[in-house]
Protein backbone atom coordinates (compact mmCIF):
# COMPACT_ATOMS: atom_id res chain seq x y z
CA MET A 1 30.41 -8.53 -3.11
CA LEU A 2 26.58 -9.07 -2.45
CA GLU A 3 25.55 -11.21 0.79
CA THR A 4 24.19 -14.62 -0.05
CA VAL A 5 21.26 -16.09 2.14
CA LYS A 6 19.90 -19.77 2.01
CA TRP A 7 16.23 -20.10 1.69
CA GLU A 8 14.36 -23.11 1.82
CA ALA A 9 12.18 -23.72 -1.34
CA ILE A 10 9.11 -25.87 -1.63
CA PRO A 11 7.86 -26.88 -5.29
CA ARG A 12 4.44 -25.62 -6.09
CA GLU A 13 1.80 -27.02 -8.47
CA ASP A 14 -1.16 -25.20 -9.77
CA MET A 15 -3.60 -24.16 -7.09
CA THR A 16 -6.73 -22.34 -6.75
CA LYS A 17 -7.07 -18.66 -5.11
CA GLY A 18 -8.44 -20.34 -1.97
CA GLN A 19 -5.68 -22.79 -1.60
CA LEU A 20 -3.02 -19.96 -2.49
CA LYS A 21 -4.64 -18.22 0.32
CA ASP A 22 -4.65 -20.88 2.79
CA ASN A 23 -0.82 -21.37 2.33
CA ARG A 24 -0.19 -17.55 2.85
CA GLU A 25 -2.00 -17.80 6.11
CA ASN A 26 0.22 -20.73 7.02
CA GLY A 27 3.41 -18.60 6.30
CA MET A 28 4.21 -20.14 3.05
CA ILE A 29 4.28 -17.29 0.13
CA PRO A 30 3.99 -18.38 -3.66
CA ALA A 31 6.91 -17.39 -5.85
CA VAL A 32 8.26 -17.69 -9.38
CA VAL A 33 11.75 -18.14 -10.46
CA SER A 34 12.39 -16.66 -13.99
CA SER A 35 15.43 -18.16 -16.10
CA ARG A 36 16.60 -17.24 -19.48
CA GLY A 37 16.19 -20.04 -21.88
CA LYS A 38 14.08 -22.21 -19.30
CA GLU A 39 10.93 -22.70 -17.91
CA SER A 40 9.99 -20.65 -14.89
CA THR A 41 9.76 -22.60 -11.48
CA SER A 42 6.86 -22.26 -9.37
CA LEU A 43 7.59 -22.49 -5.41
CA PHE A 44 6.60 -21.60 -2.13
CA VAL A 45 9.06 -19.52 0.28
CA LYS A 46 8.78 -18.82 3.96
CA LEU A 47 7.38 -15.50 5.03
CA SER A 48 9.76 -15.82 8.10
CA ASP A 49 12.53 -15.77 5.43
CA LEU A 50 11.25 -12.80 3.57
CA GLN A 51 10.75 -10.71 6.95
CA ARG A 52 14.41 -11.28 8.00
CA ARG A 53 15.78 -10.50 4.30
CA PRO A 54 18.89 -8.13 4.38
CA TYR A 55 18.42 -4.57 3.51
CA GLY A 56 19.23 -3.69 -0.24
CA ASN A 57 20.15 -6.29 -3.00
CA PHE A 58 21.41 -9.78 -1.85
CA ILE A 59 21.87 -13.15 -3.46
CA VAL A 60 19.45 -15.94 -2.63
CA ASP A 61 20.17 -19.79 -2.81
CA LEU A 62 16.78 -21.45 -3.07
CA VAL A 63 17.39 -24.89 -1.56
CA PHE A 64 14.86 -27.62 -2.78
CA PRO A 65 14.31 -30.85 -0.63
CA ASN A 66 15.09 -33.34 -3.47
CA LYS A 67 17.81 -31.19 -5.30
CA LYS A 68 21.50 -31.27 -4.65
CA LYS A 69 22.25 -27.83 -6.33
CA PRO A 70 20.23 -24.79 -5.27
CA ILE A 71 18.85 -22.26 -7.39
CA ASN A 72 21.41 -19.09 -7.26
CA CYS A 73 19.09 -16.06 -7.81
CA PHE A 74 18.10 -12.64 -6.61
CA LEU A 75 14.95 -11.29 -5.55
CA LYS A 76 13.46 -9.11 -8.43
CA ASN A 77 10.06 -8.05 -6.85
CA ILE A 78 7.63 -8.31 -3.94
CA GLN A 79 3.92 -7.71 -4.49
CA PHE A 80 2.12 -6.53 -1.49
CA SER A 81 -1.43 -6.45 -0.69
CA HIS A 82 -3.18 -3.11 -0.76
CA VAL A 83 -4.68 -3.55 2.79
CA GLY A 84 -2.30 -4.14 5.47
CA TYR A 85 0.77 -4.28 3.35
CA LYS A 86 0.94 -8.06 3.47
CA ILE A 87 3.36 -10.23 0.84
CA LEU A 88 1.44 -11.84 -1.81
CA HIS A 89 3.94 -13.06 -4.16
CA VAL A 90 7.75 -12.95 -4.85
CA ASP A 91 9.59 -12.90 -8.16
CA PHE A 92 13.15 -14.22 -8.35
CA GLN A 93 15.70 -14.22 -11.26
CA GLU A 94 17.90 -16.93 -11.76
CA LEU A 95 21.65 -16.12 -11.96
CA THR A 96 23.66 -17.85 -14.67
CA LYS A 97 27.22 -17.77 -15.23
CA GLY A 98 28.20 -15.89 -18.24
CA GLN A 99 24.66 -14.10 -18.60
CA GLU A 100 24.20 -10.71 -17.96
CA VAL A 101 21.08 -9.61 -15.60
CA ASP A 102 19.12 -6.44 -15.54
CA ILE A 103 18.87 -5.31 -11.66
CA GLU A 104 17.66 -2.15 -9.86
CA ILE A 105 20.55 -1.07 -7.56
CA PRO A 106 20.04 1.58 -4.89
CA LEU A 107 21.68 5.02 -5.08
CA ARG A 108 22.89 6.55 -1.81
CA LEU A 109 24.31 9.99 -1.36
CA THR A 110 27.18 10.64 0.75
CA GLY A 111 28.93 13.69 2.51
CA GLU A 112 27.42 16.78 3.97
CA PRO A 113 26.83 19.52 1.23
CA VAL A 114 28.12 23.06 2.07
CA GLY A 115 24.81 24.37 1.28
CA LEU A 116 23.26 23.21 4.24
CA ASP A 117 24.85 25.64 6.44
CA LYS A 118 23.30 28.36 4.45
CA GLY A 119 19.78 27.05 4.96
CA GLY A 120 19.80 24.89 2.12
CA ILE A 121 18.00 21.25 2.16
CA VAL A 122 18.72 17.97 0.14
CA ASN A 123 16.41 17.24 -2.43
CA GLN A 124 17.15 13.80 -3.84
CA LEU A 125 15.13 13.10 -7.16
CA ILE A 126 16.64 9.73 -8.09
CA ASP A 127 17.22 6.93 -5.30
CA SER A 128 18.03 3.96 -7.61
CA VAL A 129 19.36 2.99 -11.09
CA MET A 130 18.61 -0.17 -13.49
CA ILE A 131 21.93 -1.64 -14.79
CA ARG A 132 23.13 -4.57 -16.86
CA THR A 133 25.92 -6.69 -15.81
CA LEU A 134 27.37 -10.01 -15.34
CA PRO A 135 26.39 -11.84 -11.70
CA ARG A 136 29.88 -11.73 -10.43
CA HIS A 137 29.87 -7.84 -10.99
CA LEU A 138 26.68 -7.03 -9.04
CA PRO A 139 27.16 -4.23 -6.54
CA GLU A 140 25.43 -3.84 -3.35
CA LYS A 141 24.61 -0.28 -3.89
CA PHE A 142 26.00 2.99 -5.64
CA GLU A 143 27.14 6.14 -3.82
CA MET A 144 27.48 10.04 -4.83
CA ASP A 145 29.19 12.44 -2.96
CA ILE A 146 27.43 15.62 -2.76
CA SER A 147 29.41 17.38 0.03
CA HIS A 148 30.67 20.15 -2.67
CA LEU A 149 27.09 21.17 -3.58
CA ASP A 150 26.26 24.69 -2.62
CA VAL A 151 22.65 26.29 -2.43
CA ASN A 152 20.91 25.94 -5.90
CA ASP A 153 23.58 23.39 -7.07
CA SER A 154 22.78 19.90 -8.33
CA ILE A 155 24.33 16.83 -9.24
CA ASP A 156 23.52 14.75 -12.60
CA ILE A 157 23.20 11.10 -13.13
CA THR A 158 25.47 11.48 -15.96
CA GLU A 159 28.25 11.99 -13.04
CA LEU A 160 27.53 8.61 -11.72
CA GLU A 161 31.06 6.73 -12.00
CA LEU A 162 30.43 3.17 -13.16
CA PRO A 163 33.01 0.45 -13.92
CA ASP A 164 33.55 -0.62 -17.58
CA GLU A 165 31.67 -4.07 -16.88
CA ILE A 166 28.43 -2.41 -15.89
CA THR A 167 26.06 -0.76 -18.20
CA LEU A 168 23.43 2.01 -17.16
CA LEU A 169 20.08 1.42 -18.35
CA ASP A 170 17.61 3.94 -16.70
CA PRO A 171 17.73 6.59 -15.97
CA THR A 172 20.39 7.78 -18.30
CA GLU A 173 19.67 11.49 -17.85
CA GLY A 174 18.13 13.64 -14.87
CA THR A 175 19.20 15.38 -11.71
CA VAL A 176 20.10 12.95 -8.88
CA ALA A 177 19.84 15.62 -6.15
CA SER A 178 19.96 19.32 -5.69
CA ILE A 179 20.23 21.94 -2.77
CA ILE A 180 17.18 23.98 -2.43
CA VAL A 181 16.21 26.54 -0.10
CA PRO A 182 12.87 26.13 1.35
CA LYS A 183 10.20 29.04 0.47
CA GLU A 184 8.62 30.70 3.51
CA GLU A 185 5.03 30.55 3.36
CA PRO A 186 3.28 34.13 3.74
CA LEU A 187 1.15 34.95 6.35
CA GLU A 188 -2.41 34.74 5.31
CA PRO A 189 -4.30 38.26 6.04
CA GLU A 190 -6.71 38.26 8.91
CA THR A 191 -10.67 38.14 7.50
CA GLU A 192 -13.08 40.67 8.56
CA GLU A 193 -14.84 38.43 10.78
CA GLU A 194 -11.60 37.37 12.57
CA GLU A 195 -10.64 40.99 13.08
CA GLU A 196 -14.25 41.71 14.60
CA GLU A 197 -13.53 38.78 16.82
CA LEU A 198 -10.18 40.08 17.92
CA GLU A 199 -11.85 43.61 18.61
CA GLU A 200 -14.74 42.06 20.60
CA GLU A 201 -12.15 39.93 22.72
CA GLU A 202 -10.04 43.23 23.44
CA ALA A 203 -13.02 45.00 24.47
CA GLU A 204 -14.30 42.53 26.71
CA SER A 205 -10.92 42.19 28.44
CA GLU A 206 -10.82 45.94 28.86
CA GLU A 207 -14.10 45.94 30.53
CA SER A 208 -13.25 43.08 32.81
CA SER A 209 -10.09 45.31 33.90
CA GLU A 210 -11.96 48.32 34.64
CA GLU A 211 -14.62 46.34 36.63
CA GLU A 212 -11.76 44.80 38.86
CA LYS A 213 -10.31 48.40 39.52
CA GLU A 214 -13.78 49.66 40.69
C-alpha cells in the first residue's frame, strides 16, 4: 500500500513567465493535474512539500481552500532547471476509482549474488518499469532476488513476477542485471622520453651517493 501525503493546493490562473518566476522565488511551484475525460487543473504547490516528499512512489491528496474533497493523485513528473537543479514545474495524474493508470515503479535488487565472492560486481541495467493497473493495486516498488547469480550470470525482465491485476508495459524484454568481472587495464608502456628521464635520475642518484662516500 502506497503512503499518502496531504499537500496544500492553490488555484492558478494564466500567468506570464515573470509572474511564475516570482511565485517560484516565493516557494510556490506551478503544477498541473491531468484527469481522464476532464480538463486539467492548474495550481501551485509548496516547494517545502516537494522537498519533503517520500522516496519512491506515493499518493498525494491535493487540498484546495474552497473544496471539501481533495484531488487524489500521484506525482507523475518533476521538471528541474538545467542550472542549479531547481524545481520548475510538477505534473500530477488524478486517480479515479475504476480507471487504470500508467505509472513508473522502481525495481530493486535484493540478495547478495554468489558471484561477488569470485570478484564479480553487479551491473544493473533496468531500475524501473512502466505498468498499468487500478489505483488500489499500485505497488510501492518491485523486487528481484539476485542471490543465485554467479559470475557471467544474468536475470531477465521476463523473470519479474507480477500479480494478474498488473500489466507490464515497458520494458517487456531485456536484461535487468548481470554479474560481471571488471577487466584489468593494461599498464601503459613507458615512452622513450620517460625512460631517458628515469636513466638521468638514476645516474644523478649514483653520482650523489659517490660524492657522499668521498
